[in-house]
Amino acid sequence: MKQSRWMSLVESIANVVVGYGVAVVTQMLVFPLFGLHASLNQNLLIGLVFTGVSLVRSFFLRRVFETLRLRQAVSSSSMAACTTNPVR
C-alpha cells in the first residue's frame, strides 16, 4: 500500500521534530565531555543549525536517488522494448 502525501508530510515533520530533540539532548550530554559548555539557548540554536543542514542534505539525497530511480526505470523499459521487439 502506498503512503498518502499527507502522511508523508506528517512523517517528515515528526522526523524533524524528533531529530531536533535528539540533537539538543545529545549536545547537552556530549559537549561537556569535550570541555564545551553551552547554555540551553545556545544548544537550541546549534540544534536548529544542524537540523537545517540535515534537511538540506536529506532533500538533496532524495532528489539524487529519485533521479537514479528514473534513469533505471527508463533504462529498464528500453531493455524490455529491445527484448520484446527484436530488430531483424
PDB file of N, CA and C in Angstrom:
ATOM      1  N   MET A   1       0.844  -1.182   0.000  1.00  0.00           N
ATOM      2  CA  MET A   1       0.000   0.000   0.000  1.00  0.00           C
ATOM      3  C   MET A   1       0.887   1.241   0.000  1.00  0.00           C
ATOM      4  N   LYS A   2       0.526   2.213  -0.806  1.00  0.00           N
ATOM      5  CA  LYS A   2       1.301   3.437  -0.959  1.00  0.00           C
ATOM      6  C   LYS A   2       0.913   4.453   0.124  1.00  0.00           C
ATOM      7  N   GLN A   3       1.907   5.200   0.613  1.00  0.00           N
ATOM      8  CA  GLN A   3       1.654   6.212   1.639  1.00  0.00           C
ATOM      9  C   GLN A   3       1.091   7.476   0.982  1.00  0.00           C
ATOM     10  N   SER A   4       0.079   8.073   1.594  1.00  0.00           N
ATOM     11  CA  SER A   4      -0.505   9.303   1.047  1.00  0.00           C
ATOM     12  C   SER A   4       0.470  10.463   1.241  1.00  0.00           C
ATOM     13  N   ARG A   5       0.290  11.503   0.454  1.00  0.00           N
ATOM     14  CA  ARG A   5       1.136  12.689   0.586  1.00  0.00           C
ATOM     15  C   ARG A   5       0.992  13.311   1.972  1.00  0.00           C
ATOM     16  N   TRP A   6      -0.220  13.316   2.495  1.00  0.00           N
ATOM     17  CA  TRP A   6      -0.474  13.882   3.824  1.00  0.00           C
ATOM     18  C   TRP A   6       0.334  13.134   4.882  1.00  0.00           C
ATOM     19  N   MET A   7       0.304  11.791   4.827  1.00  0.00           N
ATOM     20  CA  MET A   7       1.041  11.005   5.816  1.00  0.00           C
ATOM     21  C   MET A   7       2.549  11.145   5.605  1.00  0.00           C
ATOM     22  N   SER A   8       2.987  11.336   4.369  1.00  0.00           N
ATOM     23  CA  SER A   8       4.403  11.598   4.122  1.00  0.00           C
ATOM     24  C   SER A   8       4.825  12.903   4.784  1.00  0.00           C
ATOM     25  N   LEU A   9       3.960  13.922   4.702  1.00  0.00           N
ATOM     26  CA  LEU A   9       4.246  15.206   5.343  1.00  0.00           C
ATOM     27  C   LEU A   9       4.286  15.049   6.857  1.00  0.00           C
ATOM     28  N   VAL A  10       3.304  14.343   7.422  1.00  0.00           N
ATOM     29  CA  VAL A  10       3.260  14.118   8.870  1.00  0.00           C
ATOM     30  C   VAL A  10       4.514  13.372   9.323  1.00  0.00           C
ATOM     31  N   GLU A  11       4.909  12.349   8.569  1.00  0.00           N
ATOM     32  CA  GLU A  11       6.113  11.587   8.909  1.00  0.00           C
ATOM     33  C   GLU A  11       7.358  12.477   8.858  1.00  0.00           C
ATOM     34  N   SER A  12       7.463  13.307   7.838  1.00  0.00           N
ATOM     35  CA  SER A  12       8.620  14.197   7.703  1.00  0.00           C
ATOM     36  C   SER A  12       8.698  15.194   8.854  1.00  0.00           C
ATOM     37  N   ILE A  13       7.569  15.768   9.225  1.00  0.00           N
ATOM     38  CA  ILE A  13       7.536  16.723  10.333  1.00  0.00           C
ATOM     39  C   ILE A  13       7.925  16.029  11.641  1.00  0.00           C
ATOM     40  N   ALA A  14       7.366  14.842  11.876  1.00  0.00           N
ATOM     41  CA  ALA A  14       7.692  14.085  13.092  1.00  0.00           C
ATOM     42  C   ALA A  14       9.180  13.761  13.123  1.00  0.00           C
ATOM     43  N   ASN A  15       9.737  13.383  11.981  1.00  0.00           N
ATOM     44  CA  ASN A  15      11.156  13.050  11.897  1.00  0.00           C
ATOM     45  C   ASN A  15      12.020  14.259  12.261  1.00  0.00           C
ATOM     46  N   VAL A  16      11.660  15.435  11.756  1.00  0.00           N
ATOM     47  CA  VAL A  16      12.426  16.649  12.036  1.00  0.00           C
ATOM     48  C   VAL A  16      12.311  17.031  13.509  1.00  0.00           C
ATOM     49  N   VAL A  17      11.115  16.982  14.064  1.00  0.00           N
ATOM     50  CA  VAL A  17      10.911  17.362  15.466  1.00  0.00           C
ATOM     51  C   VAL A  17      11.674  16.411  16.395  1.00  0.00           C
ATOM     52  N   VAL A  18      11.544  15.116  16.165  1.00  0.00           N
ATOM     53  CA  VAL A  18      12.252  14.139  16.995  1.00  0.00           C
ATOM     54  C   VAL A  18      13.761  14.293  16.820  1.00  0.00           C
ATOM     55  N   GLY A  19      14.208  14.470  15.579  1.00  0.00           N
ATOM     56  CA  GLY A  19      15.639  14.653  15.321  1.00  0.00           C
ATOM     57  C   GLY A  19      16.201  15.867  16.024  1.00  0.00           C
ATOM     58  N   TYR A  20      15.450  16.951  16.021  1.00  0.00           N
ATOM     59  CA  TYR A  20      15.878  18.177  16.704  1.00  0.00           C
ATOM     60  C   TYR A  20      16.020  17.925  18.208  1.00  0.00           C
ATOM     61  N   GLY A  21      15.027  17.281  18.803  1.00  0.00           N
ATOM     62  CA  GLY A  21      15.083  16.972  20.233  1.00  0.00           C
ATOM     63  C   GLY A  21      16.258  16.070  20.573  1.00  0.00           C
ATOM     64  N   VAL A  22      16.480  15.054  19.757  1.00  0.00           N
ATOM     65  CA  VAL A  22      17.607  14.140  19.985  1.00  0.00           C
ATOM     66  C   VAL A  22      18.926  14.902  19.869  1.00  0.00           C
ATOM     67  N   ALA A  23      19.030  15.784  18.873  1.00  0.00           N
ATOM     68  CA  ALA A  23      20.263  16.555  18.684  1.00  0.00           C
ATOM     69  C   ALA A  23      20.557  17.428  19.898  1.00  0.00           C
ATOM     70  N   VAL A  24      19.557  18.133  20.382  1.00  0.00           N
ATOM     71  CA  VAL A  24      19.768  19.039  21.525  1.00  0.00           C
ATOM     72  C   VAL A  24      20.166  18.250  22.771  1.00  0.00           C
ATOM     73  N   VAL A  25      19.473  17.172  23.055  1.00  0.00           N
ATOM     74  CA  VAL A  25      19.800  16.362  24.241  1.00  0.00           C
ATOM     75  C   VAL A  25      21.203  15.767  24.100  1.00  0.00           C
ATOM     76  N   THR A  26      21.530  15.283  22.898  1.00  0.00           N
ATOM     77  CA  THR A  26      22.861  14.714  22.667  1.00  0.00           C
ATOM     78  C   THR A  26      23.945  15.763  22.885  1.00  0.00           C
ATOM     79  N   GLN A  27      23.732  16.960  22.366  1.00  0.00           N
ATOM     80  CA  GLN A  27      24.698  18.044  22.565  1.00  0.00           C
ATOM     81  C   GLN A  27      24.891  18.330  24.046  1.00  0.00           C
ATOM     82  N   MET A  28      23.789  18.401  24.782  1.00  0.00           N
ATOM     83  CA  MET A  28      23.870  18.724  26.210  1.00  0.00           C
ATOM     84  C   MET A  28      24.634  17.652  26.978  1.00  0.00           C
ATOM     85  N   LEU A  29      24.582  16.411  26.502  1.00  0.00           N
ATOM     86  CA  LEU A  29      25.295  15.320  27.167  1.00  0.00           C
ATOM     87  C   LEU A  29      26.740  15.190  26.696  1.00  0.00           C
ATOM     88  N   VAL A  30      26.973  15.431  25.417  1.00  0.00           N
ATOM     89  CA  VAL A  30      28.295  15.172  24.841  1.00  0.00           C
ATOM     90  C   VAL A  30      29.228  16.373  24.922  1.00  0.00           C
ATOM     91  N   PHE A  31      28.738  17.572  24.693  1.00  0.00           N
ATOM     92  CA  PHE A  31      29.602  18.755  24.701  1.00  0.00           C
ATOM     93  C   PHE A  31      30.462  18.847  25.965  1.00  0.00           C
ATOM     94  N   PRO A  32      29.894  18.666  27.161  1.00  0.00           N
ATOM     95  CA  PRO A  32      30.727  18.774  28.374  1.00  0.00           C
ATOM     96  C   PRO A  32      31.858  17.741  28.427  1.00  0.00           C
ATOM     97  N   LEU A  33      31.660  16.591  27.791  1.00  0.00           N
ATOM     98  CA  LEU A  33      32.716  15.578  27.767  1.00  0.00           C
ATOM     99  C   LEU A  33      33.948  16.075  27.013  1.00  0.00           C
ATOM    100  N   PHE A  34      33.753  17.058  26.151  1.00  0.00           N
ATOM    101  CA  PHE A  34      34.856  17.634  25.374  1.00  0.00           C
ATOM    102  C   PHE A  34      35.239  19.027  25.872  1.00  0.00           C
ATOM    103  N   GLY A  35      34.742  19.371  27.050  1.00  0.00           N
ATOM    104  CA  GLY A  35      35.084  20.666  27.636  1.00  0.00           C
ATOM    105  C   GLY A  35      34.323  21.829  27.029  1.00  0.00           C
ATOM    106  N   LEU A  36      33.253  21.539  26.314  1.00  0.00           N
ATOM    107  CA  LEU A  36      32.436  22.603  25.724  1.00  0.00           C
ATOM    108  C   LEU A  36      31.208  22.818  26.591  1.00  0.00           C
ATOM    109  N   HIS A  37      30.981  24.054  26.952  1.00  0.00           N
ATOM    110  CA  HIS A  37      29.845  24.361  27.807  1.00  0.00           C
ATOM    111  C   HIS A  37      28.976  25.400  27.112  1.00  0.00           C
ATOM    112  N   ALA A  38      27.768  24.992  26.764  1.00  0.00           N
ATOM    113  CA  ALA A  38      26.832  25.872  26.072  1.00  0.00           C
ATOM    114  C   ALA A  38      25.572  26.019  26.913  1.00  0.00           C
ATOM    115  N   SER A  39      24.983  27.190  26.851  1.00  0.00           N
ATOM    116  CA  SER A  39      23.721  27.414  27.568  1.00  0.00           C
ATOM    117  C   SER A  39      22.604  26.686  26.831  1.00  0.00           C
ATOM    118  N   LEU A  40      21.453  26.601  27.465  1.00  0.00           N
ATOM    119  CA  LEU A  40      20.304  25.961  26.818  1.00  0.00           C
ATOM    120  C   LEU A  40      19.971  26.675  25.511  1.00  0.00           C
ATOM    121  N   ASN A  41      19.963  28.010  25.534  1.00  0.00           N
ATOM    122  CA  ASN A  41      19.662  28.764  24.308  1.00  0.00           C
ATOM    123  C   ASN A  41      20.682  28.475  23.207  1.00  0.00           C
ATOM    124  N   GLN A  42      21.955  28.381  23.570  1.00  0.00           N
ATOM    125  CA  GLN A  42      22.984  28.060  22.579  1.00  0.00           C
ATOM    126  C   GLN A  42      22.787  26.651  22.025  1.00  0.00           C
ATOM    127  N   ASN A  43      22.454  25.709  22.895  1.00  0.00           N
ATOM    128  CA  ASN A  43      22.195  24.339  22.439  1.00  0.00           C
ATOM    129  C   ASN A  43      20.992  24.295  21.498  1.00  0.00           C
ATOM    130  N   LEU A  44      19.953  25.053  21.818  1.00  0.00           N
ATOM    131  CA  LEU A  44      18.767  25.081  20.953  1.00  0.00           C
ATOM    132  C   LEU A  44      19.113  25.662  19.578  1.00  0.00           C
ATOM    133  N   LEU A  45      19.923  26.728  19.561  1.00  0.00           N
ATOM    134  CA  LEU A  45      20.309  27.348  18.293  1.00  0.00           C
ATOM    135  C   LEU A  45      21.218  26.420  17.484  1.00  0.00           C
ATOM    136  N   ILE A  46      22.185  25.803  18.140  1.00  0.00           N
ATOM    137  CA  ILE A  46      23.067  24.848  17.453  1.00  0.00           C
ATOM    138  C   ILE A  46      22.239  23.702  16.873  1.00  0.00           C
ATOM    139  N   GLY A  47      21.271  23.218  17.643  1.00  0.00           N
ATOM    140  CA  GLY A  47      20.386  22.156  17.161  1.00  0.00           C
ATOM    141  C   GLY A  47      19.613  22.575  15.924  1.00  0.00           C
ATOM    142  N   LEU A  48      19.150  23.841  15.896  1.00  0.00           N
ATOM    143  CA  LEU A  48      18.438  24.351  14.720  1.00  0.00           C
ATOM    144  C   LEU A  48      19.342  24.389  13.496  1.00  0.00           C
ATOM    145  N   VAL A  49      20.579  24.817  13.688  1.00  0.00           N
ATOM    146  CA  VAL A  49      21.525  24.864  12.565  1.00  0.00           C
ATOM    147  C   VAL A  49      21.746  23.465  12.002  1.00  0.00           C
ATOM    148  N   PHE A  50      22.025  22.506  12.882  1.00  0.00           N
ATOM    149  CA  PHE A  50      22.257  21.147  12.414  1.00  0.00           C
ATOM    150  C   PHE A  50      20.994  20.531  11.801  1.00  0.00           C
ATOM    151  N   THR A  51      19.838  20.876  12.312  1.00  0.00           N
ATOM    152  CA  THR A  51      18.588  20.389  11.740  1.00  0.00           C
ATOM    153  C   THR A  51      18.402  20.943  10.337  1.00  0.00           C
ATOM    154  N   GLY A  52      18.696  22.221  10.144  1.00  0.00           N
ATOM    155  CA  GLY A  52      18.615  22.821   8.806  1.00  0.00           C
ATOM    156  C   GLY A  52      19.555  22.150   7.825  1.00  0.00           C
ATOM    157  N   VAL A  53      20.784  21.906   8.258  1.00  0.00           N
ATOM    158  CA  VAL A  53      21.757  21.212   7.402  1.00  0.00           C
ATOM    159  C   VAL A  53      21.248  19.806   7.069  1.00  0.00           C
ATOM    160  N   SER A  54      20.682  19.128   8.042  1.00  0.00           N
ATOM    161  CA  SER A  54      20.155  17.787   7.835  1.00  0.00           C
ATOM    162  C   SER A  54      19.006  17.788   6.829  1.00  0.00           C
ATOM    163  N   LEU A  55      18.131  18.779   6.916  1.00  0.00           N
ATOM    164  CA  LEU A  55      17.017  18.875   5.962  1.00  0.00           C
ATOM    165  C   LEU A  55      17.521  19.063   4.534  1.00  0.00           C
ATOM    166  N   VAL A  56      18.494  19.947   4.368  1.00  0.00           N
ATOM    167  CA  VAL A  56      19.059  20.182   3.036  1.00  0.00           C
ATOM    168  C   VAL A  56      19.726  18.908   2.516  1.00  0.00           C
ATOM    169  N   ARG A  57      20.509  18.250   3.366  1.00  0.00           N
ATOM    170  CA  ARG A  57      21.171  17.003   2.974  1.00  0.00           C
ATOM    171  C   ARG A  57      20.157  15.938   2.576  1.00  0.00           C
ATOM    172  N   SER A  58      19.133  15.788   3.380  1.00  0.00           N
ATOM    173  CA  SER A  58      18.104  14.784   3.120  1.00  0.00           C
ATOM    174  C   SER A  58      17.383  15.064   1.801  1.00  0.00           C
ATOM    175  N   PHE A  59      17.034  16.327   1.566  1.00  0.00           N
ATOM    176  CA  PHE A  59      16.357  16.699   0.327  1.00  0.00           C
ATOM    177  C   PHE A  59      17.251  16.411  -0.877  1.00  0.00           C
ATOM    178  N   PHE A  60      18.527  16.800  -0.788  1.00  0.00           N
ATOM    179  CA  PHE A  60      19.464  16.589  -1.879  1.00  0.00           C
ATOM    180  C   PHE A  60      19.610  15.102  -2.204  1.00  0.00           C
ATOM    181  N   LEU A  61      19.811  14.286  -1.173  1.00  0.00           N
ATOM    182  CA  LEU A  61      19.961  12.849  -1.399  1.00  0.00           C
ATOM    183  C   LEU A  61      18.686  12.227  -1.958  1.00  0.00           C
ATOM    184  N   ARG A  62      17.536  12.688  -1.492  1.00  0.00           N
ATOM    185  CA  ARG A  62      16.275  12.161  -2.009  1.00  0.00           C
ATOM    186  C   ARG A  62      16.140  12.457  -3.496  1.00  0.00           C
ATOM    187  N   ARG A  63      16.527  13.671  -3.907  1.00  0.00           N
ATOM    188  CA  ARG A  63      16.456  14.046  -5.323  1.00  0.00           C
ATOM    189  C   ARG A  63      17.454  13.239  -6.153  1.00  0.00           C
ATOM    190  N   VAL A  64      18.664  12.991  -5.614  1.00  0.00           N
ATOM    191  CA  VAL A  64      19.661  12.185  -6.325  1.00  0.00           C
ATOM    192  C   VAL A  64      19.129  10.777  -6.539  1.00  0.00           C
ATOM    193  N   PHE A  65      18.586  10.171  -5.491  1.00  0.00           N
ATOM    194  CA  PHE A  65      18.083   8.810  -5.618  1.00  0.00           C
ATOM    195  C   PHE A  65      16.845   8.745  -6.511  1.00  0.00           C
ATOM    196  N   GLU A  66      16.017   9.770  -6.515  1.00  0.00           N
ATOM    197  CA  GLU A  66      14.872   9.796  -7.417  1.00  0.00           C
ATOM    198  C   GLU A  66      15.347   9.873  -8.865  1.00  0.00           C
ATOM    199  N   THR A  67      16.379  10.669  -9.118  1.00  0.00           N
ATOM    200  CA  THR A  67      16.944  10.749 -10.460  1.00  0.00           C
ATOM    201  C   THR A  67      17.506   9.397 -10.892  1.00  0.00           C
ATOM    202  N   LEU A  68      18.224   8.737  -9.986  1.00  0.00           N
ATOM    203  CA  LEU A  68      18.758   7.409 -10.297  1.00  0.00           C
ATOM    204  C   LEU A  68      17.630   6.412 -10.561  1.00  0.00           C
ATOM    205  N   ARG A  69      16.556   6.498  -9.768  1.00  0.00           N
ATOM    206  CA  ARG A  69      15.417   5.588  -9.958  1.00  0.00           C
ATOM    207  C   ARG A  69      14.782   5.798 -11.319  1.00  0.00           C
ATOM    208  N   LEU A  70      14.609   7.070 -11.704  1.00  0.00           N
ATOM    209  CA  LEU A  70      14.004   7.366 -13.001  1.00  0.00           C
ATOM    210  C   LEU A  70      14.890   6.899 -14.151  1.00  0.00           C
ATOM    211  N   ARG A  71      16.198   7.101 -14.024  1.00  0.00           N
ATOM    212  CA  ARG A  71      17.121   6.622 -15.064  1.00  0.00           C
ATOM    213  C   ARG A  71      17.053   5.108 -15.192  1.00  0.00           C
ATOM    214  N   GLN A  72      16.983   4.427 -14.058  1.00  0.00           N
ATOM    215  CA  GLN A  72      16.905   2.971 -14.080  1.00  0.00           C
ATOM    216  C   GLN A  72      15.594   2.519 -14.718  1.00  0.00           C
ATOM    217  N   ALA A  73      14.506   3.228 -14.412  1.00  0.00           N
ATOM    218  CA  ALA A  73      13.211   2.875 -14.991  1.00  0.00           C
ATOM    219  C   ALA A  73      13.235   3.051 -16.506  1.00  0.00           C
ATOM    220  N   VAL A  74      13.824   4.139 -16.976  1.00  0.00           N
ATOM    221  CA  VAL A  74      13.919   4.380 -18.416  1.00  0.00           C
ATOM    222  C   VAL A  74      14.799   3.324 -19.059  1.00  0.00           C
ATOM    223  N   SER A  75      15.919   3.013 -18.417  1.00  0.00           N
ATOM    224  CA  SER A  75      16.833   2.002 -18.938  1.00  0.00           C
ATOM    225  C   SER A  75      16.160   0.632 -18.986  1.00  0.00           C
ATOM    226  N   SER A  76      15.427   0.286 -17.940  1.00  0.00           N
ATOM    227  CA  SER A  76      14.738  -1.000 -17.884  1.00  0.00           C
ATOM    228  C   SER A  76      13.662  -1.092 -18.947  1.00  0.00           C
ATOM    229  N   SER A  77      12.924  -0.004 -19.169  1.00  0.00           N
ATOM    230  CA  SER A  77      11.866  -0.041 -20.177  1.00  0.00           C
ATOM    231  C   SER A  77      12.466  -0.111 -21.576  1.00  0.00           C
ATOM    232  N   SER A  78      13.632   0.507 -21.780  1.00  0.00           N
ATOM    233  CA  SER A  78      14.309   0.419 -23.075  1.00  0.00           C
ATOM    234  C   SER A  78      14.783  -1.001 -23.332  1.00  0.00           C
ATOM    235  N   MET A  79      15.318  -1.628 -22.298  1.00  0.00           N
ATOM    236  CA  MET A  79      15.786  -3.010 -22.429  1.00  0.00           C
ATOM    237  C   MET A  79      14.613  -3.941 -22.685  1.00  0.00           C
ATOM    238  N   ALA A  80      13.500  -3.699 -22.030  1.00  0.00           N
ATOM    239  CA  ALA A  80      12.316  -4.539 -22.227  1.00  0.00           C
ATOM    240  C   ALA A  80      11.810  -4.410 -23.663  1.00  0.00           C
ATOM    241  N   ALA A  81      11.846  -3.194 -24.198  1.00  0.00           N
ATOM    242  CA  ALA A  81      11.398  -2.977 -25.579  1.00  0.00           C
ATOM    243  C   ALA A  81      12.309  -3.712 -26.557  1.00  0.00           C
ATOM    244  N   CYS A  82      13.596  -3.742 -26.271  1.00  0.00           N
ATOM    245  CA  CYS A  82      14.548  -4.429 -27.137  1.00  0.00           C
ATOM    246  C   CYS A  82      14.336  -5.929 -27.132  1.00  0.00           C
ATOM    247  N   THR A  83      13.981  -6.494 -25.994  1.00  0.00           N
ATOM    248  CA  THR A  83      13.819  -7.951 -25.912  1.00  0.00           C
ATOM    249  C   THR A  83      12.461  -8.401 -26.417  1.00  0.00           C
ATOM    250  N   THR A  84      11.458  -7.534 -26.359  1.00  0.00           N
ATOM    251  CA  THR A  84      10.133  -7.945 -26.825  1.00  0.00           C
ATOM    252  C   THR A  84       9.923  -7.634 -28.297  1.00  0.00           C
ATOM    253  N   ASN A  85      10.695  -6.690 -28.828  1.00  0.00           N
ATOM    254  CA  ASN A  85      10.583  -6.316 -30.243  1.00  0.00           C
ATOM    255  C   ASN A  85      11.962  -6.366 -30.890  1.00  0.00           C
ATOM    256  N   PRO A  86      12.504  -7.554 -31.096  1.00  0.00           N
ATOM    257  CA  PRO A  86      13.855  -7.635 -31.654  1.00  0.00           C
ATOM    258  C   PRO A  86      13.901  -7.071 -33.058  1.00  0.00           C
ATOM    259  N   VAL A  87      15.000  -6.430 -33.363  1.00  0.00           N
ATOM    260  CA  VAL A  87      15.225  -5.876 -34.706  1.00  0.00           C
ATOM    261  C   VAL A  87      15.697  -7.001 -35.595  1.00  0.00           C
ATOM    262  N   ARG A  88      15.106  -7.099 -36.796  1.00  0.00           N
ATOM    263  CA  ARG A  88      15.509  -8.174 -37.724  1.00  0.00           C
ATOM    264  C   ARG A  88      16.218  -7.617 -38.894  1.00  0.00           C
TER     265      ARG A  88
END
